Amino acid sequence: QVQLQESGGGSVQSGGSLKLSCAASGDTRCMAWFRQAPGKEREVVAAIDSDGNIQYAASVKGRFTISQDNAKNTLYLQMNSLKPEDTAMYYCAIDTTPRVRWYQLQRVSPKPEDFPWWGQGTQVTVSS
């Protein structure tokens, strides 16, 4: 059974930093961070797979870094230079297919429906 638990959310001022963690059990060949702001659709922030492929949303590229510690089965999201528009609930998600390279070749972004397993989410609030 796949289980995911996010942590590390909180409130920061614009320009600040936060690091999110997601402890996972089960097959973690493709992991991603999504976020959802009130009244908006859930969107991908970053994805990483077991082949080492990484993809970022354009809005966070250069500011956020996704990584994973395979020994600890933990996914991370280092968020720097945070902006008020980054305010959202952040979710960790898992798929068993390492398909980030496919997303890159197809020039598409990972979609929520591609990921069967989800964490409960952790709130990130950035004030101006």
C-alpha atoms as a PDB file:
ATOM      1  CA  GLN A   1       0.000   0.000   0.000  1.00  0.00           C
ATOM      2  CA  VAL A   2       1.354   3.412  -0.985  1.00  0.00           C
ATOM      3  CA  GLN A   3       1.393   6.072   1.696  1.00  0.00           C
ATOM      4  CA  LEU A   4       2.586   9.651   1.431  1.00  0.00           C
ATOM      5  CA  GLN A   5       3.075  12.234   4.161  1.00  0.00           C
ATOM      6  CA  GLU A   6       4.043  15.833   3.422  1.00  0.00           C
ATOM      7  CA  SER A   7       5.617  18.249   5.882  1.00  0.00           C
ATOM      8  CA  GLY A   8       7.439  21.565   5.892  1.00  0.00           C
ATOM      9  CA  GLY A   9       4.728  23.991   4.897  1.00  0.00           C
ATOM     10  CA  GLY A  10       4.228  27.282   6.689  1.00  0.00           C
ATOM     11  CA  SER A  11       3.981  31.034   6.357  1.00  0.00           C
ATOM     12  CA  VAL A  12       6.819  33.183   5.045  1.00  0.00           C
ATOM     13  CA  GLN A  13       7.292  36.653   3.650  1.00  0.00           C
ATOM     14  CA  SER A  14       7.890  37.317  -0.003  1.00  0.00           C
ATOM     15  CA  GLY A  15      11.471  36.436  -0.915  1.00  0.00           C
ATOM     16  CA  GLY A  16      11.721  33.799   1.797  1.00  0.00           C
ATOM     17  CA  SER A  17      12.397  30.077   1.557  1.00  0.00           C
ATOM     18  CA  LEU A  18      10.746  26.840   2.620  1.00  0.00           C
ATOM     19  CA  LYS A  19      11.633  23.192   2.138  1.00  0.00           C
ATOM     20  CA  LEU A  20       8.874  20.635   1.762  1.00  0.00           C
ATOM     21  CA  SER A  21       9.362  16.934   2.447  1.00  0.00           C
ATOM     22  CA  CYS A  22       7.307  13.929   1.433  1.00  0.00           C
ATOM     23  CA  ALA A  23       7.948  10.597   3.127  1.00  0.00           C
ATOM     24  CA  ALA A  24       6.792   7.784   0.867  1.00  0.00           C
ATOM     25  CA  SER A  25       6.227   4.069   1.016  1.00  0.00           C
ATOM     26  CA  GLY A  26       5.761   1.800  -1.993  1.00  0.00           C
ATOM     27  CA  ASP A  27       6.876   2.184  -5.616  1.00  0.00           C
ATOM     28  CA  THR A  28       8.313   5.686  -6.128  1.00  0.00           C
ATOM     29  CA  ARG A  29       9.505   5.547  -9.734  1.00  0.00           C
ATOM     30  CA  CYS A  30       7.842   8.856 -10.552  1.00  0.00           C
ATOM     31  CA  MET A  31       7.158  11.515  -7.950  1.00  0.00           C
ATOM     32  CA  ALA A  32       5.810  15.006  -8.269  1.00  0.00           C
ATOM     33  CA  TRP A  33       4.755  18.079  -6.373  1.00  0.00           C
ATOM     34  CA  PHE A  34       1.461  19.689  -7.310  1.00  0.00           C
ATOM     35  CA  ARG A  35      -0.199  22.756  -5.842  1.00  0.00           C
ATOM     36  CA  GLN A  36      -3.705  24.113  -5.714  1.00  0.00           C
ATOM     37  CA  ALA A  37      -4.698  27.642  -4.804  1.00  0.00           C
ATOM     38  CA  PRO A  38      -8.276  28.510  -3.788  1.00  0.00           C
ATOM     39  CA  GLY A  39     -10.523  28.672  -6.844  1.00  0.00           C
ATOM     40  CA  LYS A  40      -7.841  27.345  -9.161  1.00  0.00           C
ATOM     41  CA  GLU A  41      -7.097  23.975 -10.716  1.00  0.00           C
ATOM     42  CA  ARG A  42      -4.411  21.725  -9.325  1.00  0.00           C
ATOM     43  CA  GLU A  43      -1.167  22.251 -11.248  1.00  0.00           C
ATOM     44  CA  VAL A  44       2.179  20.526 -11.376  1.00  0.00           C
ATOM     45  CA  VAL A  45       5.126  22.277  -9.750  1.00  0.00           C
ATOM     46  CA  ALA A  46       7.881  19.760 -10.463  1.00  0.00           C
ATOM     47  CA  ALA A  47       8.353  16.085 -11.217  1.00  0.00           C
ATOM     48  CA  ILE A  48      11.229  13.637 -10.946  1.00  0.00           C
ATOM     49  CA  ASP A  49      11.565  10.000 -11.941  1.00  0.00           C
ATOM     50  CA  SER A  50      13.848   7.059 -11.239  1.00  0.00           C
ATOM     51  CA  ASP A  51      15.724   7.665 -14.529  1.00  0.00           C
ATOM     52  CA  GLY A  52      16.863  11.020 -13.180  1.00  0.00           C
ATOM     53  CA  ASN A  53      14.628  13.143 -15.396  1.00  0.00           C
ATOM     54  CA  ILE A  54      13.310  16.366 -13.868  1.00  0.00           C
ATOM     55  CA  GLN A  55      10.685  18.791 -15.088  1.00  0.00           C
ATOM     56  CA  TYR A  56       9.605  22.126 -13.632  1.00  0.00           C
ATOM     57  CA  ALA A  57       6.663  24.387 -14.240  1.00  0.00           C
ATOM     58  CA  ALA A  58       7.789  27.566 -15.969  1.00  0.00           C
ATOM     59  CA  SER A  59       6.550  29.665 -13.063  1.00  0.00           C
ATOM     60  CA  VAL A  60       8.966  28.060 -10.578  1.00  0.00           C
ATOM     61  CA  LYS A  61      11.984  27.278 -12.754  1.00  0.00           C
ATOM     62  CA  GLY A  62      15.129  28.766 -11.257  1.00  0.00           C
ATOM     63  CA  ARG A  63      13.483  29.245  -7.856  1.00  0.00           C
ATOM     64  CA  PHE A  64      12.411  25.730  -6.827  1.00  0.00           C
ATOM     65  CA  THR A  65      14.473  22.529  -6.731  1.00  0.00           C
ATOM     66  CA  ILE A  66      13.024  19.020  -6.594  1.00  0.00           C
ATOM     67  CA  SER A  67      15.135  16.174  -5.265  1.00  0.00           C
ATOM     68  CA  GLN A  68      14.768  12.782  -3.683  1.00  0.00           C
ATOM     69  CA  ASP A  69      16.686  10.683  -1.198  1.00  0.00           C
ATOM     70  CA  ASN A  70      16.217   7.102  -2.364  1.00  0.00           C
ATOM     71  CA  ALA A  71      17.704   5.661   0.829  1.00  0.00           C
ATOM     72  CA  LYS A  72      15.056   7.479   2.877  1.00  0.00           C
ATOM     73  CA  ASN A  73      12.328   7.197   0.222  1.00  0.00           C
ATOM     74  CA  THR A  74      11.747  10.910   0.667  1.00  0.00           C
ATOM     75  CA  LEU A  75      10.936  13.602  -1.876  1.00  0.00           C
ATOM     76  CA  TYR A  76      11.906  17.220  -1.300  1.00  0.00           C
ATOM     77  CA  LEU A  77      11.002  20.603  -2.744  1.00  0.00           C
ATOM     78  CA  GLN A  78      13.341  23.475  -1.909  1.00  0.00           C
ATOM     79  CA  MET A  79      11.480  26.710  -2.567  1.00  0.00           C
ATOM     80  CA  ASN A  80      13.466  29.955  -2.728  1.00  0.00           C
ATOM     81  CA  SER A  81      12.500  33.510  -3.648  1.00  0.00           C
ATOM     82  CA  LEU A  82       8.902  32.757  -2.771  1.00  0.00           C
ATOM     83  CA  LYS A  83       6.197  35.028  -4.126  1.00  0.00           C
ATOM     84  CA  PRO A  84       2.623  35.640  -2.947  1.00  0.00           C
ATOM     85  CA  GLU A  85       1.407  33.787  -6.040  1.00  0.00           C
ATOM     86  CA  ASP A  86       3.116  30.639  -4.715  1.00  0.00           C
ATOM     87  CA  THR A  87       0.517  30.520  -1.938  1.00  0.00           C
ATOM     88  CA  ALA A  88      -1.324  27.206  -2.223  1.00  0.00           C
ATOM     89  CA  MET A  89      -1.811  23.765  -0.764  1.00  0.00           C
ATOM     90  CA  TYR A  90       1.113  21.648  -1.924  1.00  0.00           C
ATOM     91  CA  TYR A  91       0.634  17.933  -2.593  1.00  0.00           C
ATOM     92  CA  CYS A  92       3.049  15.089  -3.126  1.00  0.00           C
ATOM     93  CA  ALA A  93       2.003  12.467  -5.684  1.00  0.00           C
ATOM     94  CA  ILE A  94       3.341   9.149  -6.923  1.00  0.00           C
ATOM     95  CA  ASP A  95       3.087   7.137 -10.114  1.00  0.00           C
ATOM     96  CA  THR A  96       4.763   3.776 -10.768  1.00  0.00           C
ATOM     97  CA  THR A  97       5.821   4.679 -14.329  1.00  0.00           C
ATOM     98  CA  PRO A  98       9.005   6.781 -14.772  1.00  0.00           C
ATOM     99  CA  ARG A  99       7.530   9.005 -17.459  1.00  0.00           C
ATOM    100  CA  VAL A 100       9.091  12.463 -16.957  1.00  0.00           C
ATOM    101  CA  ARG A 101      11.167  11.988 -20.112  1.00  0.00           C
ATOM    102  CA  TRP A 102       7.958  11.249 -22.013  1.00  0.00           C
ATOM    103  CA  TYR A 103       6.419  14.500 -20.743  1.00  0.00           C
ATOM    104  CA  GLN A 104       9.494  16.380 -21.909  1.00  0.00           C
ATOM    105  CA  LEU A 105       9.480  14.791 -25.355  1.00  0.00           C
ATOM    106  CA  GLN A 106       5.743  15.424 -25.775  1.00  0.00           C
ATOM    107  CA  ARG A 107       6.172  18.971 -24.431  1.00  0.00           C
ATOM    108  CA  VAL A 108       3.348  18.473 -21.979  1.00  0.00           C
ATOM    109  CA  SER A 109       3.062  18.869 -18.243  1.00  0.00           C
ATOM    110  CA  PRO A 110       2.216  16.072 -15.837  1.00  0.00           C
ATOM    111  CA  LYS A 111      -1.475  16.038 -15.023  1.00  0.00           C
ATOM    112  CA  PRO A 112      -3.077  15.178 -11.685  1.00  0.00           C
ATOM    113  CA  GLU A 113      -4.957  12.264 -13.252  1.00  0.00           C
ATOM    114  CA  ASP A 114      -1.620  10.639 -14.170  1.00  0.00           C
ATOM    115  CA  PHE A 115      -0.842  10.057 -10.479  1.00  0.00           C
ATOM    116  CA  PRO A 116      -2.832   7.454  -8.539  1.00  0.00           C
ATOM    117  CA  TRP A 117      -1.507   8.177  -5.059  1.00  0.00           C
ATOM    118  CA  TRP A 118      -1.573  11.449  -3.148  1.00  0.00           C
ATOM    119  CA  GLY A 119      -0.608  12.895   0.183  1.00  0.00           C
ATOM    120  CA  GLN A 120      -2.895  15.037   2.336  1.00  0.00           C
ATOM    121  CA  GLY A 121      -1.148  18.267   1.426  1.00  0.00           C
ATOM    122  CA  THR A 122       0.754  20.962   3.288  1.00  0.00           C
ATOM    123  CA  GLN A 123      -0.163  24.655   3.196  1.00  0.00           C
ATOM    124  CA  VAL A 124       2.300  27.268   1.975  1.00  0.00           C
ATOM    125  CA  THR A 125       1.390  30.923   2.515  1.00  0.00           C
ATOM    126  CA  VAL A 126       3.558  33.754   1.207  1.00  0.00           C
ATOM    127  CA  SER A 127       2.766  37.280   2.325  1.00  0.00           C
ATOM    128  CA  SER A 128       3.847  40.427   0.518  1.00  0.00           C
END
